[in-house]
Amino acid sequence: MTEEPERVPAAKPTRRIDARSLRGLAHPLRMSILEALGLDGPATATSLSQRLGESTGTISWHLRHLAEHGYIEEETGRGTKRERWWRAVSDAKLLNPAEFRDDPDTRGALAVYLHQLAQQFFSRTVKYLGEDWDGEWQHAATFSDWRDLRMTPAQLAQLNRDLMAVIARHTPAPGTEPAPGALPVIVQIQSFPRREQGAE
């Protein structure tokens, strides 16, 4: 499972989430902070506090924790000693849950991370549905699922690689100016096996 596509523009580094960094990230508020910085850009503890409904002290503590694990960094040259600006580190984060299958010390953190990630995906969708978009954007967006696929693990992995390659082709190179009228777009892909009813 990947949080971001495996195939990304060459200038964007890839970070594999290991056990230590997973435990450093696997907290609902830390994941919400990282999501806010990733989606909306740099922010201060005060602005994040207002957005997320937590005290500034609590947000600051979690910001330091995220920085310690390399998920965010201070935006130097901006702000003051009392009001620091933070930004998400620009990298593609890769997570392979199978690496932690037999690690009891990390299994709890993995469960928190994956469930929070799924909640973030769901919340983004619900937010979009509650907003008033014009017909052109509504027509362009989609909610689709396919239920008639039967695959081996190798086939499913190849399908995911193919999908990520398509997304990579549409990912602009750093510094590229967006087309007139372009807005940020979220693409969420979930692909996983389903146990058949009655199967042992």
N, C-alpha and C. Protein backbone atom coordinates (compact mmCIF):
# COMPACT_ATOMS: atom_id res chain seq x y z
N MET A 1 0.85 -1.18 0.00
CA MET A 1 0.00 0.00 0.00
C MET A 1 0.89 1.23 0.00
N THR A 2 0.54 2.22 -0.79
CA THR A 2 1.35 3.43 -0.85
C THR A 2 0.47 4.62 -0.52
N GLU A 3 1.06 5.58 0.20
CA GLU A 3 0.33 6.82 0.47
C GLU A 3 0.39 7.72 -0.74
N GLU A 4 1.48 7.66 -1.47
CA GLU A 4 1.64 8.43 -2.69
C GLU A 4 2.17 7.49 -3.77
N PRO A 5 2.01 7.85 -5.05
CA PRO A 5 2.43 6.95 -6.12
C PRO A 5 3.91 6.60 -6.04
N GLU A 6 4.24 5.36 -6.41
CA GLU A 6 5.63 4.94 -6.44
C GLU A 6 6.39 5.66 -7.54
N ARG A 7 5.74 5.89 -8.66
CA ARG A 7 6.40 6.56 -9.78
C ARG A 7 6.09 8.04 -9.71
N VAL A 8 7.10 8.84 -9.40
CA VAL A 8 6.91 10.27 -9.21
C VAL A 8 7.96 11.01 -10.03
N PRO A 9 7.80 12.32 -10.23
CA PRO A 9 8.82 13.06 -10.96
C PRO A 9 10.19 12.84 -10.33
N ALA A 10 11.21 12.81 -11.16
CA ALA A 10 12.55 12.47 -10.71
C ALA A 10 13.05 13.38 -9.60
N ALA A 11 12.62 14.65 -9.60
CA ALA A 11 13.12 15.59 -8.61
C ALA A 11 12.53 15.34 -7.22
N LYS A 12 11.51 14.50 -7.12
CA LYS A 12 10.86 14.26 -5.83
C LYS A 12 11.41 12.98 -5.22
N PRO A 13 12.11 13.07 -4.09
CA PRO A 13 12.69 11.86 -3.49
C PRO A 13 11.62 10.95 -2.91
N THR A 14 12.02 9.70 -2.70
CA THR A 14 11.12 8.70 -2.14
C THR A 14 11.61 8.32 -0.75
N ARG A 15 10.69 8.23 0.18
CA ARG A 15 11.02 7.83 1.55
C ARG A 15 10.22 6.58 1.91
N ARG A 16 10.92 5.53 2.29
CA ARG A 16 10.26 4.31 2.76
C ARG A 16 10.04 4.44 4.26
N ILE A 17 8.82 4.25 4.69
CA ILE A 17 8.48 4.36 6.11
C ILE A 17 8.93 3.09 6.82
N ASP A 18 9.88 3.26 7.76
CA ASP A 18 10.35 2.11 8.53
C ASP A 18 9.63 2.08 9.88
N ALA A 19 10.00 1.11 10.72
CA ALA A 19 9.29 0.92 11.98
C ALA A 19 9.37 2.16 12.87
N ARG A 20 10.55 2.76 12.97
CA ARG A 20 10.71 3.92 13.85
C ARG A 20 9.90 5.11 13.35
N SER A 21 10.02 5.41 12.07
CA SER A 21 9.30 6.57 11.54
C SER A 21 7.79 6.33 11.52
N LEU A 22 7.38 5.06 11.38
CA LEU A 22 5.95 4.74 11.44
C LEU A 22 5.41 5.04 12.83
N ARG A 23 6.15 4.62 13.87
CA ARG A 23 5.69 4.90 15.23
C ARG A 23 5.68 6.40 15.51
N GLY A 24 6.57 7.14 14.86
CA GLY A 24 6.59 8.59 15.03
C GLY A 24 5.43 9.30 14.36
N LEU A 25 4.86 8.69 13.34
CA LEU A 25 3.77 9.31 12.58
C LEU A 25 2.40 8.83 13.01
N ALA A 26 2.32 7.61 13.53
CA ALA A 26 1.04 6.94 13.77
C ALA A 26 0.31 7.53 14.97
N HIS A 27 -0.22 8.71 14.79
CA HIS A 27 -1.03 9.39 15.80
C HIS A 27 -2.05 10.24 15.04
N PRO A 28 -3.34 10.15 15.38
CA PRO A 28 -4.34 10.88 14.59
C PRO A 28 -4.05 12.36 14.42
N LEU A 29 -3.63 13.04 15.48
CA LEU A 29 -3.39 14.48 15.35
C LEU A 29 -2.16 14.76 14.52
N ARG A 30 -1.10 13.97 14.69
CA ARG A 30 0.10 14.19 13.87
C ARG A 30 -0.22 13.98 12.40
N MET A 31 -1.01 12.96 12.10
CA MET A 31 -1.38 12.71 10.71
C MET A 31 -2.26 13.83 10.16
N SER A 32 -3.13 14.40 11.01
CA SER A 32 -3.95 15.53 10.57
C SER A 32 -3.10 16.76 10.31
N ILE A 33 -2.09 16.99 11.15
CA ILE A 33 -1.18 18.11 10.94
C ILE A 33 -0.43 17.94 9.63
N LEU A 34 0.10 16.74 9.41
CA LEU A 34 0.87 16.50 8.19
C LEU A 34 -0.02 16.63 6.96
N GLU A 35 -1.26 16.17 7.04
CA GLU A 35 -2.18 16.31 5.92
C GLU A 35 -2.46 17.79 5.64
N ALA A 36 -2.70 18.58 6.69
CA ALA A 36 -2.99 20.00 6.50
C ALA A 36 -1.81 20.72 5.84
N LEU A 37 -0.59 20.41 6.29
CA LEU A 37 0.59 21.04 5.69
C LEU A 37 0.79 20.57 4.26
N GLY A 38 0.51 19.31 3.99
CA GLY A 38 0.68 18.78 2.65
C GLY A 38 -0.34 19.32 1.66
N LEU A 39 -1.58 19.52 2.11
CA LEU A 39 -2.63 19.98 1.22
C LEU A 39 -2.62 21.50 1.04
N ASP A 40 -2.40 22.24 2.13
CA ASP A 40 -2.59 23.69 2.10
C ASP A 40 -1.31 24.49 2.27
N GLY A 41 -0.18 23.82 2.40
CA GLY A 41 1.08 24.54 2.46
C GLY A 41 1.49 24.93 3.87
N PRO A 42 2.59 25.68 3.99
CA PRO A 42 3.16 26.01 5.29
C PRO A 42 2.17 26.71 6.21
N ALA A 43 2.37 26.48 7.51
CA ALA A 43 1.48 27.07 8.51
C ALA A 43 2.23 27.17 9.84
N THR A 44 1.66 27.95 10.73
CA THR A 44 2.21 28.08 12.08
C THR A 44 1.39 27.22 13.04
N ALA A 45 1.92 27.03 14.25
CA ALA A 45 1.18 26.28 15.26
C ALA A 45 -0.15 26.97 15.57
N THR A 46 -0.16 28.30 15.55
CA THR A 46 -1.39 29.04 15.85
C THR A 46 -2.46 28.78 14.80
N SER A 47 -2.09 28.87 13.52
CA SER A 47 -3.09 28.66 12.47
C SER A 47 -3.55 27.20 12.44
N LEU A 48 -2.64 26.27 12.69
CA LEU A 48 -3.03 24.86 12.74
C LEU A 48 -3.94 24.59 13.94
N SER A 49 -3.67 25.28 15.04
CA SER A 49 -4.51 25.15 16.23
C SER A 49 -5.94 25.56 15.93
N GLN A 50 -6.09 26.67 15.22
CA GLN A 50 -7.43 27.15 14.87
C GLN A 50 -8.12 26.19 13.91
N ARG A 51 -7.36 25.66 12.96
CA ARG A 51 -7.94 24.77 11.95
C ARG A 51 -8.34 23.41 12.53
N LEU A 52 -7.52 22.90 13.45
CA LEU A 52 -7.72 21.54 13.94
C LEU A 52 -8.41 21.48 15.30
N GLY A 53 -8.64 22.64 15.91
CA GLY A 53 -9.36 22.66 17.17
C GLY A 53 -8.59 22.12 18.36
N GLU A 54 -7.27 22.30 18.34
CA GLU A 54 -6.41 21.87 19.45
C GLU A 54 -5.65 23.08 19.98
N SER A 55 -5.13 22.96 21.20
CA SER A 55 -4.37 24.07 21.77
C SER A 55 -3.06 24.26 21.01
N THR A 56 -2.56 25.48 21.04
CA THR A 56 -1.30 25.77 20.36
C THR A 56 -0.16 24.96 20.95
N GLY A 57 -0.16 24.78 22.28
CA GLY A 57 0.88 24.00 22.92
C GLY A 57 0.89 22.56 22.45
N THR A 58 -0.29 21.96 22.33
CA THR A 58 -0.39 20.58 21.85
C THR A 58 0.09 20.48 20.41
N ILE A 59 -0.33 21.41 19.57
CA ILE A 59 0.10 21.41 18.17
C ILE A 59 1.61 21.56 18.08
N SER A 60 2.18 22.46 18.88
CA SER A 60 3.63 22.68 18.85
C SER A 60 4.38 21.42 19.23
N TRP A 61 3.88 20.71 20.22
CA TRP A 61 4.54 19.47 20.66
C TRP A 61 4.55 18.45 19.53
N HIS A 62 3.43 18.30 18.85
CA HIS A 62 3.35 17.34 17.75
C HIS A 62 4.16 17.80 16.54
N LEU A 63 4.24 19.10 16.31
CA LEU A 63 5.08 19.61 15.23
C LEU A 63 6.54 19.24 15.47
N ARG A 64 7.00 19.41 16.68
CA ARG A 64 8.39 19.05 17.00
C ARG A 64 8.62 17.55 16.80
N HIS A 65 7.63 16.76 17.15
CA HIS A 65 7.74 15.31 16.98
C HIS A 65 7.83 14.94 15.49
N LEU A 66 7.00 15.56 14.67
CA LEU A 66 7.05 15.31 13.23
C LEU A 66 8.38 15.75 12.63
N ALA A 67 8.90 16.89 13.11
CA ALA A 67 10.18 17.38 12.61
C ALA A 67 11.31 16.43 13.01
N GLU A 68 11.24 15.90 14.21
CA GLU A 68 12.27 14.97 14.69
C GLU A 68 12.36 13.73 13.80
N HIS A 69 11.22 13.31 13.27
CA HIS A 69 11.19 12.12 12.41
C HIS A 69 11.31 12.47 10.92
N GLY A 70 11.53 13.75 10.60
CA GLY A 70 11.81 14.14 9.23
C GLY A 70 10.60 14.28 8.32
N TYR A 71 9.39 14.38 8.90
CA TYR A 71 8.19 14.54 8.08
C TYR A 71 7.93 16.00 7.72
N ILE A 72 8.36 16.91 8.57
CA ILE A 72 8.18 18.33 8.30
C ILE A 72 9.49 19.04 8.60
N GLU A 73 9.58 20.29 8.16
CA GLU A 73 10.76 21.10 8.42
C GLU A 73 10.34 22.55 8.58
N GLU A 74 11.17 23.29 9.30
CA GLU A 74 10.88 24.70 9.49
C GLU A 74 11.15 25.45 8.20
N GLU A 75 10.29 26.40 7.89
CA GLU A 75 10.50 27.25 6.72
C GLU A 75 11.35 28.43 7.16
N THR A 76 12.64 28.33 6.91
CA THR A 76 13.57 29.35 7.39
C THR A 76 13.34 30.67 6.65
N GLY A 77 13.67 31.75 7.34
CA GLY A 77 13.50 33.07 6.73
C GLY A 77 12.09 33.59 6.80
N ARG A 78 11.24 32.88 7.52
CA ARG A 78 9.85 33.30 7.64
C ARG A 78 9.42 33.15 9.09
N GLY A 79 8.70 34.11 9.61
CA GLY A 79 8.25 34.03 10.99
C GLY A 79 9.27 34.55 11.97
N THR A 80 9.03 34.27 13.25
CA THR A 80 9.88 34.74 14.33
C THR A 80 10.19 33.57 15.25
N LYS A 81 10.99 33.84 16.29
CA LYS A 81 11.29 32.79 17.26
C LYS A 81 10.03 32.32 17.97
N ARG A 82 9.09 33.23 18.15
CA ARG A 82 7.85 32.87 18.84
C ARG A 82 6.84 32.24 17.89
N GLU A 83 6.91 32.54 16.62
CA GLU A 83 5.93 32.03 15.66
C GLU A 83 6.66 31.46 14.47
N ARG A 84 6.93 30.16 14.52
CA ARG A 84 7.67 29.48 13.47
C ARG A 84 6.70 28.91 12.42
N TRP A 85 7.16 28.94 11.18
CA TRP A 85 6.38 28.37 10.09
C TRP A 85 6.93 26.98 9.77
N TRP A 86 6.03 26.04 9.49
CA TRP A 86 6.40 24.66 9.20
C TRP A 86 5.83 24.25 7.85
N ARG A 87 6.57 23.40 7.16
CA ARG A 87 6.09 22.86 5.89
C ARG A 87 6.35 21.36 5.85
N ALA A 88 5.55 20.66 5.06
CA ALA A 88 5.75 19.22 4.88
C ALA A 88 6.97 19.00 4.00
N VAL A 89 7.75 17.99 4.33
CA VAL A 89 8.87 17.61 3.48
C VAL A 89 8.31 17.02 2.20
N SER A 90 8.82 17.49 1.07
CA SER A 90 8.29 17.05 -0.22
C SER A 90 8.95 15.75 -0.65
N ASP A 91 8.31 14.65 -0.31
CA ASP A 91 8.79 13.34 -0.77
C ASP A 91 7.60 12.40 -0.92
N ALA A 92 7.83 11.31 -1.60
CA ALA A 92 6.80 10.28 -1.75
C ALA A 92 7.01 9.26 -0.64
N LYS A 93 5.98 9.03 0.16
CA LYS A 93 6.10 8.12 1.28
C LYS A 93 5.56 6.75 0.90
N LEU A 94 6.40 5.73 1.05
CA LEU A 94 6.03 4.38 0.68
C LEU A 94 5.94 3.53 1.93
N LEU A 95 4.86 2.78 2.05
CA LEU A 95 4.66 1.90 3.19
C LEU A 95 4.28 0.52 2.70
N ASN A 96 4.99 -0.49 3.18
CA ASN A 96 4.66 -1.88 2.87
C ASN A 96 4.20 -2.55 4.15
N PRO A 97 2.89 -2.68 4.38
CA PRO A 97 2.40 -3.27 5.63
C PRO A 97 2.94 -4.66 5.90
N ALA A 98 3.26 -5.42 4.85
CA ALA A 98 3.76 -6.78 5.04
C ALA A 98 5.08 -6.80 5.81
N GLU A 99 5.83 -5.71 5.76
CA GLU A 99 7.11 -5.66 6.49
C GLU A 99 6.91 -5.72 8.00
N PHE A 100 5.71 -5.34 8.46
CA PHE A 100 5.46 -5.28 9.90
C PHE A 100 4.51 -6.37 10.38
N ARG A 101 4.22 -7.32 9.50
CA ARG A 101 3.25 -8.38 9.81
C ARG A 101 3.61 -9.15 11.07
N ASP A 102 4.89 -9.46 11.25
CA ASP A 102 5.34 -10.27 12.38
C ASP A 102 6.06 -9.45 13.44
N ASP A 103 5.81 -8.15 13.47
CA ASP A 103 6.46 -7.27 14.44
C ASP A 103 5.42 -6.76 15.42
N PRO A 104 5.29 -7.42 16.58
CA PRO A 104 4.24 -7.01 17.53
C PRO A 104 4.42 -5.59 18.05
N ASP A 105 5.66 -5.09 18.10
CA ASP A 105 5.91 -3.75 18.60
C ASP A 105 5.41 -2.67 17.64
N THR A 106 5.26 -3.01 16.38
CA THR A 106 4.86 -2.03 15.38
C THR A 106 3.43 -2.25 14.88
N ARG A 107 2.85 -3.41 15.18
CA ARG A 107 1.53 -3.73 14.64
C ARG A 107 0.47 -2.71 15.07
N GLY A 108 0.54 -2.26 16.32
CA GLY A 108 -0.44 -1.26 16.79
C GLY A 108 -0.29 0.06 16.05
N ALA A 109 0.94 0.50 15.86
CA ALA A 109 1.18 1.75 15.13
C ALA A 109 0.70 1.62 13.69
N LEU A 110 0.92 0.46 13.09
CA LEU A 110 0.47 0.24 11.72
C LEU A 110 -1.05 0.34 11.62
N ALA A 111 -1.75 -0.25 12.59
CA ALA A 111 -3.22 -0.20 12.58
C ALA A 111 -3.71 1.24 12.72
N VAL A 112 -3.10 2.02 13.61
CA VAL A 112 -3.49 3.42 13.78
C VAL A 112 -3.26 4.18 12.48
N TYR A 113 -2.09 3.99 11.89
CA TYR A 113 -1.73 4.71 10.66
C TYR A 113 -2.73 4.39 9.53
N LEU A 114 -2.98 3.11 9.30
CA LEU A 114 -3.84 2.72 8.18
C LEU A 114 -5.28 3.16 8.40
N HIS A 115 -5.79 3.03 9.61
CA HIS A 115 -7.16 3.46 9.87
C HIS A 115 -7.31 4.98 9.77
N GLN A 116 -6.31 5.71 10.23
CA GLN A 116 -6.36 7.17 10.11
C GLN A 116 -6.25 7.59 8.65
N LEU A 117 -5.42 6.89 7.89
CA LEU A 117 -5.28 7.20 6.47
C LEU A 117 -6.61 6.98 5.75
N ALA A 118 -7.28 5.86 6.06
CA ALA A 118 -8.58 5.59 5.45
C ALA A 118 -9.60 6.65 5.85
N GLN A 119 -9.54 7.11 7.09
CA GLN A 119 -10.45 8.15 7.55
C GLN A 119 -10.19 9.46 6.81
N GLN A 120 -8.92 9.77 6.56
CA GLN A 120 -8.61 10.98 5.81
C GLN A 120 -9.15 10.89 4.39
N PHE A 121 -8.99 9.74 3.74
CA PHE A 121 -9.54 9.55 2.40
C PHE A 121 -11.05 9.78 2.41
N PHE A 122 -11.73 9.17 3.39
CA PHE A 122 -13.19 9.30 3.50
C PHE A 122 -13.58 10.76 3.74
N SER A 123 -12.87 11.43 4.65
CA SER A 123 -13.23 12.81 4.99
C SER A 123 -13.06 13.76 3.80
N ARG A 124 -12.02 13.54 2.99
CA ARG A 124 -11.84 14.37 1.80
C ARG A 124 -13.03 14.20 0.85
N THR A 125 -13.49 12.96 0.70
CA THR A 125 -14.62 12.69 -0.18
C THR A 125 -15.89 13.36 0.33
N VAL A 126 -16.16 13.21 1.62
CA VAL A 126 -17.36 13.81 2.21
C VAL A 126 -17.31 15.33 2.10
N LYS A 127 -16.13 15.91 2.30
CA LYS A 127 -15.99 17.37 2.16
C LYS A 127 -16.33 17.82 0.76
N TYR A 128 -15.82 17.09 -0.25
CA TYR A 128 -16.14 17.44 -1.64
C TYR A 128 -17.66 17.37 -1.88
N LEU A 129 -18.30 16.31 -1.39
CA LEU A 129 -19.73 16.13 -1.62
C LEU A 129 -20.57 17.23 -0.96
N GLY A 130 -20.05 17.81 0.12
CA GLY A 130 -20.78 18.86 0.81
C GLY A 130 -20.57 20.25 0.23
N GLU A 131 -19.71 20.35 -0.77
CA GLU A 131 -19.43 21.65 -1.38
C GLU A 131 -20.24 21.84 -2.65
N ASP A 132 -20.41 23.09 -3.04
CA ASP A 132 -21.22 23.43 -4.22
C ASP A 132 -20.30 23.67 -5.41
N TRP A 133 -20.12 22.65 -6.23
CA TRP A 133 -19.27 22.76 -7.43
C TRP A 133 -20.14 22.93 -8.65
N ASP A 134 -19.61 23.66 -9.64
CA ASP A 134 -20.39 23.84 -10.86
C ASP A 134 -20.44 22.55 -11.67
N GLY A 135 -21.31 22.54 -12.66
CA GLY A 135 -21.57 21.31 -13.42
C GLY A 135 -20.35 20.76 -14.13
N GLU A 136 -19.47 21.64 -14.60
CA GLU A 136 -18.29 21.16 -15.32
C GLU A 136 -17.39 20.33 -14.41
N TRP A 137 -17.17 20.82 -13.18
CA TRP A 137 -16.34 20.06 -12.23
C TRP A 137 -17.06 18.80 -11.77
N GLN A 138 -18.36 18.87 -11.56
CA GLN A 138 -19.11 17.68 -11.15
C GLN A 138 -19.05 16.61 -12.23
N HIS A 139 -19.12 17.04 -13.49
CA HIS A 139 -19.05 16.09 -14.59
C HIS A 139 -17.66 15.47 -14.69
N ALA A 140 -16.63 16.24 -14.38
CA ALA A 140 -15.25 15.75 -14.51
C ALA A 140 -14.88 14.78 -13.39
N ALA A 141 -15.45 14.98 -12.21
CA ALA A 141 -15.13 14.12 -11.06
C ALA A 141 -15.81 12.76 -11.22
N THR A 142 -15.35 11.78 -10.46
CA THR A 142 -15.96 10.46 -10.56
C THR A 142 -15.87 9.70 -9.25
N PHE A 143 -16.86 8.85 -9.03
CA PHE A 143 -16.84 7.86 -7.96
C PHE A 143 -17.14 6.53 -8.62
N SER A 144 -16.16 5.69 -8.71
CA SER A 144 -16.31 4.44 -9.46
C SER A 144 -15.74 3.28 -8.67
N ASP A 145 -16.32 2.12 -8.87
CA ASP A 145 -15.69 0.90 -8.38
C ASP A 145 -15.96 -0.23 -9.36
N TRP A 146 -15.10 -1.21 -9.34
CA TRP A 146 -15.20 -2.36 -10.21
C TRP A 146 -15.18 -3.61 -9.34
N ARG A 147 -16.17 -4.49 -9.53
CA ARG A 147 -16.31 -5.62 -8.62
C ARG A 147 -16.17 -6.98 -9.31
N ASP A 148 -15.87 -6.98 -10.59
CA ASP A 148 -15.82 -8.26 -11.32
C ASP A 148 -14.40 -8.70 -11.61
N LEU A 149 -13.42 -8.17 -10.86
CA LEU A 149 -12.02 -8.56 -11.07
C LEU A 149 -11.68 -9.74 -10.16
N ARG A 150 -10.90 -10.67 -10.69
CA ARG A 150 -10.36 -11.77 -9.88
C ARG A 150 -8.87 -11.85 -10.23
N MET A 151 -8.02 -11.69 -9.22
CA MET A 151 -6.59 -11.55 -9.48
C MET A 151 -5.77 -12.32 -8.45
N THR A 152 -4.55 -12.61 -8.87
CA THR A 152 -3.55 -13.11 -7.93
C THR A 152 -2.85 -11.91 -7.30
N PRO A 153 -2.10 -12.10 -6.22
CA PRO A 153 -1.34 -10.97 -5.66
C PRO A 153 -0.43 -10.30 -6.69
N ALA A 154 0.20 -11.10 -7.54
CA ALA A 154 1.09 -10.53 -8.55
C ALA A 154 0.31 -9.67 -9.55
N GLN A 155 -0.87 -10.12 -9.95
CA GLN A 155 -1.69 -9.35 -10.89
C GLN A 155 -2.19 -8.05 -10.25
N LEU A 156 -2.58 -8.12 -8.98
CA LEU A 156 -3.02 -6.91 -8.29
C LEU A 156 -1.88 -5.91 -8.17
N ALA A 157 -0.69 -6.39 -7.85
CA ALA A 157 0.47 -5.51 -7.76
C ALA A 157 0.75 -4.84 -9.10
N GLN A 158 0.62 -5.59 -10.19
CA GLN A 158 0.85 -5.02 -11.52
C GLN A 158 -0.21 -3.98 -11.86
N LEU A 159 -1.46 -4.26 -11.52
CA LEU A 159 -2.53 -3.28 -11.73
C LEU A 159 -2.20 -1.97 -11.02
N ASN A 160 -1.75 -2.07 -9.77
CA ASN A 160 -1.42 -0.86 -9.02
C ASN A 160 -0.25 -0.11 -9.65
N ARG A 161 0.76 -0.85 -10.13
CA ARG A 161 1.88 -0.18 -10.81
C ARG A 161 1.40 0.54 -12.07
N ASP A 162 0.50 -0.09 -12.82
CA ASP A 162 -0.03 0.55 -14.03
C ASP A 162 -0.80 1.82 -13.69
N LEU A 163 -1.62 1.76 -12.64
CA LEU A 163 -2.39 2.94 -12.24
C LEU A 163 -1.47 4.07 -11.79
N MET A 164 -0.44 3.74 -11.02
CA MET A 164 0.50 4.75 -10.56
C MET A 164 1.26 5.39 -11.72
N ALA A 165 1.54 4.58 -12.74
CA ALA A 165 2.23 5.12 -13.91
C ALA A 165 1.36 6.14 -14.64
N VAL A 166 0.06 5.88 -14.70
CA VAL A 166 -0.85 6.85 -15.33
C VAL A 166 -0.86 8.16 -14.54
N ILE A 167 -0.95 8.06 -13.22
CA ILE A 167 -0.94 9.26 -12.38
C ILE A 167 0.37 10.01 -12.58
N ALA A 168 1.48 9.29 -12.64
CA ALA A 168 2.79 9.93 -12.81
C ALA A 168 2.86 10.71 -14.11
N ARG A 169 2.22 10.20 -15.17
CA ARG A 169 2.24 10.92 -16.45
C ARG A 169 1.50 12.25 -16.36
N HIS A 170 0.56 12.34 -15.44
CA HIS A 170 -0.23 13.57 -15.29
C HIS A 170 0.30 14.46 -14.18
N THR A 171 1.38 14.05 -13.53
CA THR A 171 1.96 14.84 -12.45
C THR A 171 2.95 15.84 -13.04
N PRO A 172 2.71 17.14 -12.86
CA PRO A 172 3.59 18.14 -13.48
C PRO A 172 4.97 18.12 -12.84
N ALA A 173 5.96 18.46 -13.63
CA ALA A 173 7.31 18.58 -13.12
C ALA A 173 7.39 19.78 -12.19
N PRO A 174 8.29 19.74 -11.21
CA PRO A 174 8.42 20.88 -10.30
C PRO A 174 8.68 22.18 -11.07
N GLY A 175 7.99 23.23 -10.65
CA GLY A 175 8.16 24.53 -11.29
C GLY A 175 7.26 24.76 -12.49
N THR A 176 6.50 23.74 -12.90
CA THR A 176 5.61 23.89 -14.05
C THR A 176 4.40 24.73 -13.66
N GLU A 177 4.07 25.70 -14.50
CA GLU A 177 2.90 26.54 -14.25
C GLU A 177 1.63 25.76 -14.59
N PRO A 178 0.62 25.79 -13.70
CA PRO A 178 -0.63 25.09 -14.02
C PRO A 178 -1.38 25.77 -15.15
N ALA A 179 -2.21 25.01 -15.83
CA ALA A 179 -3.03 25.56 -16.91
C ALA A 179 -4.04 26.54 -16.33
N PRO A 180 -4.47 27.51 -17.13
CA PRO A 180 -5.49 28.46 -16.65
C PRO A 180 -6.74 27.72 -16.19
N GLY A 181 -7.24 28.08 -15.02
CA GLY A 181 -8.44 27.44 -14.49
C GLY A 181 -8.18 26.14 -13.74
N ALA A 182 -6.91 25.72 -13.65
CA ALA A 182 -6.59 24.46 -12.98
C ALA A 182 -6.71 24.63 -11.46
N LEU A 183 -7.25 23.63 -10.81
CA LEU A 183 -7.36 23.59 -9.35
C LEU A 183 -6.64 22.35 -8.84
N PRO A 184 -6.27 22.34 -7.56
CA PRO A 184 -5.69 21.11 -7.01
C PRO A 184 -6.68 19.96 -7.12
N VAL A 185 -6.19 18.80 -7.48
CA VAL A 185 -7.04 17.61 -7.65
C VAL A 185 -6.49 16.49 -6.77
N ILE A 186 -7.37 15.80 -6.08
CA ILE A 186 -7.01 14.64 -5.27
C ILE A 186 -7.45 13.39 -6.00
N VAL A 187 -6.54 12.47 -6.19
CA VAL A 187 -6.86 11.15 -6.75
C VAL A 187 -6.64 10.12 -5.65
N GLN A 188 -7.68 9.40 -5.29
CA GLN A 188 -7.59 8.39 -4.25
C GLN A 188 -7.85 7.03 -4.89
N ILE A 189 -6.94 6.13 -4.70
CA ILE A 189 -7.07 4.77 -5.24
C ILE A 189 -6.97 3.78 -4.10
N GLN A 190 -7.97 2.96 -3.96
CA GLN A 190 -7.93 1.86 -3.00
C GLN A 190 -8.15 0.56 -3.76
N SER A 191 -7.24 -0.36 -3.62
CA SER A 191 -7.41 -1.66 -4.27
C SER A 191 -6.95 -2.73 -3.29
N PHE A 192 -7.83 -3.67 -3.01
CA PHE A 192 -7.52 -4.69 -2.02
C PHE A 192 -8.42 -5.90 -2.25
N PRO A 193 -8.00 -7.07 -1.77
CA PRO A 193 -8.83 -8.26 -1.95
C PRO A 193 -10.03 -8.25 -1.01
N ARG A 194 -11.05 -9.00 -1.38
CA ARG A 194 -12.26 -9.15 -0.56
C ARG A 194 -12.50 -10.63 -0.31
N ARG A 195 -12.74 -10.98 0.95
CA ARG A 195 -13.07 -12.38 1.25
C ARG A 195 -14.51 -12.65 0.80
N GLU A 196 -14.66 -13.73 0.07
CA GLU A 196 -16.01 -14.08 -0.40
C GLU A 196 -16.85 -14.61 0.75
N GLN A 197 -18.13 -14.30 0.72
CA GLN A 197 -19.04 -14.78 1.74
C GLN A 197 -19.08 -16.32 1.69
N GLY A 198 -18.97 -16.93 2.85
CA GLY A 198 -19.01 -18.39 2.89
C GLY A 198 -17.65 -19.03 2.71
N ALA A 199 -16.64 -18.24 2.37
CA ALA A 199 -15.31 -18.81 2.17
C ALA A 199 -14.67 -19.08 3.51
N GLU A 200 -13.98 -20.20 3.62
CA GLU A 200 -13.31 -20.57 4.88
C GLU A 200 -11.97 -19.84 4.97
